[in-house]
Amino acid sequence: MAYNVREMLNGFVGGLGELGQTNGQMVEAFMGLLGASYEPNAVDVKTKELISVAIGCFSRCEYCIVYHTYKAFEAGATKEEIIEAAMVAVAFGGGPAMAYSTTLLKECIKEFENEF
């Protein structure tokens, strides 16, 4: 299966904006939770994004994998760090996590790696 990860990223971000027009309070609450969760405190943003990539692979959330791979690169993560985080997910998630790591995650890395 071929993924257009750029289209997925833009669709997710744009979809949040559109949904916010009709469900503003809920979208704002979600975005507020995300904002608070990704504030750099004891754990820096790059590490939080690597954790998010792993959780996305584990839970098989395609949009989570795309968005957080992009954000991990933006936060300064390397390709090697992103893959290693995904392999931790594979240790817990087995074959399904490996499948997403070798397909969708690979496409995300190819698309976003040289952007930052």
Protein backbone atom coordinates (compact mmCIF):
# COMPACT_ATOMS: atom_id res chain seq x y z
CA MET A 1 0.00 0.00 0.00
CA ALA A 2 1.36 3.40 -0.95
CA TYR A 3 0.82 6.24 1.49
CA ASN A 4 0.76 9.93 0.68
CA VAL A 5 1.99 11.03 4.09
CA ARG A 6 2.10 14.73 3.18
CA GLU A 7 -1.57 14.56 2.23
CA MET A 8 -2.34 12.70 5.46
CA LEU A 9 -0.51 15.32 7.54
CA ASN A 10 -2.29 18.20 5.82
CA GLY A 11 -5.64 16.42 6.02
CA PHE A 12 -5.30 15.86 9.75
CA VAL A 13 -4.22 19.42 10.55
CA GLY A 14 -6.84 20.89 8.22
CA GLY A 15 -9.49 18.57 9.60
CA LEU A 16 -8.86 19.82 13.11
CA GLY A 17 -9.46 23.37 11.89
CA GLU A 18 -12.67 22.41 10.12
CA LEU A 19 -13.96 20.41 13.08
CA GLY A 20 -13.15 23.36 15.33
CA GLN A 21 -15.65 25.48 13.39
CA THR A 22 -18.55 23.31 14.53
CA ASN A 23 -17.13 21.77 17.72
CA GLY A 24 -14.83 24.51 18.92
CA GLN A 25 -15.03 23.80 22.63
CA MET A 26 -14.05 20.15 22.22
CA VAL A 27 -11.27 20.82 19.73
CA GLU A 28 -9.91 23.59 21.95
CA ALA A 29 -9.97 21.23 24.95
CA PHE A 30 -8.11 18.57 22.97
CA MET A 31 -5.55 21.08 21.72
CA GLY A 32 -5.14 22.43 25.25
CA LEU A 33 -4.41 18.94 26.54
CA LEU A 34 -1.89 18.39 23.75
CA GLY A 35 -0.26 21.74 24.39
CA ALA A 36 0.12 21.04 28.09
CA SER A 37 1.37 17.50 27.47
CA TYR A 38 4.09 18.64 25.08
CA GLU A 39 5.43 21.49 27.22
CA PRO A 40 9.10 20.82 27.95
CA ASN A 41 9.42 20.02 31.63
CA ALA A 42 11.31 17.04 33.04
CA VAL A 43 11.06 15.44 29.59
CA ASP A 44 12.03 17.49 26.53
CA VAL A 45 9.83 17.87 23.44
CA LYS A 46 12.00 15.63 21.24
CA THR A 47 11.69 12.76 23.70
CA LYS A 48 7.94 13.29 23.99
CA GLU A 49 7.63 13.14 20.21
CA LEU A 50 9.69 9.93 20.08
CA ILE A 51 7.38 8.43 22.72
CA SER A 52 4.44 9.53 20.57
CA VAL A 53 5.86 7.85 17.47
CA ALA A 54 6.19 4.62 19.45
CA ILE A 55 2.65 4.90 20.83
CA GLY A 56 1.35 5.58 17.31
CA CYS A 57 3.08 2.45 15.98
CA PHE A 58 1.88 0.38 18.92
CA SER A 59 -1.73 1.55 18.60
CA ARG A 60 -1.69 1.43 14.78
CA CYS A 61 -2.86 5.03 14.52
CA GLU A 62 -1.83 6.08 11.02
CA TYR A 63 -2.42 9.79 11.55
CA CYS A 64 -0.56 9.67 14.88
CA ILE A 65 2.45 8.08 13.18
CA VAL A 66 2.47 10.68 10.42
CA TYR A 67 1.94 13.71 12.65
CA HIS A 68 4.39 12.69 15.37
CA THR A 69 7.11 11.60 12.94
CA TYR A 70 6.90 15.07 11.41
CA LYS A 71 6.93 16.69 14.87
CA ALA A 72 9.85 14.48 16.00
CA PHE A 73 11.95 15.67 13.07
CA GLU A 74 10.85 19.24 13.80
CA ALA A 75 12.00 18.77 17.43
CA GLY A 76 15.45 17.62 16.26
CA ALA A 77 15.12 13.84 16.29
CA THR A 78 17.18 11.79 13.87
CA LYS A 79 16.00 9.00 11.61
CA GLU A 80 17.86 6.55 13.85
CA GLU A 81 16.14 7.81 17.01
CA ILE A 82 12.72 7.57 15.39
CA ILE A 83 13.33 4.01 14.21
CA GLU A 84 14.67 2.98 17.62
CA ALA A 85 11.58 4.41 19.32
CA ALA A 86 9.40 2.43 16.91
CA MET A 87 11.33 -0.74 17.70
CA VAL A 88 10.41 -0.31 21.38
CA ALA A 89 6.78 -0.30 20.21
CA VAL A 90 7.45 -3.52 18.30
CA ALA A 91 8.76 -5.13 21.50
CA PHE A 92 5.32 -4.56 23.02
CA GLY A 93 3.10 -4.66 19.93
CA GLY A 94 4.63 -7.48 17.91
CA GLY A 95 3.78 -7.99 14.25
CA PRO A 96 1.21 -5.20 13.84
CA ALA A 97 3.61 -2.58 15.24
CA MET A 98 6.36 -3.96 13.01
CA ALA A 99 4.08 -3.73 9.97
CA TYR A 100 3.43 -0.03 10.56
CA SER A 101 7.10 0.58 11.32
CA THR A 102 8.24 -0.99 8.04
CA THR A 103 5.59 0.67 5.86
CA LEU A 104 3.99 3.92 6.99
CA LEU A 105 6.83 5.00 9.29
CA LYS A 106 9.33 4.32 6.51
CA GLU A 107 7.32 6.56 4.16
CA CYS A 108 7.15 9.31 6.78
CA ILE A 109 10.90 9.23 7.27
CA LYS A 110 11.50 9.39 3.53
CA GLU A 111 9.12 12.36 3.18
CA PHE A 112 10.08 14.44 6.22
CA GLU A 113 13.71 13.59 7.02
CA ASN A 114 15.34 16.41 5.06
CA GLU A 115 12.77 19.07 5.93
CA PHE A 116 14.38 20.28 9.15
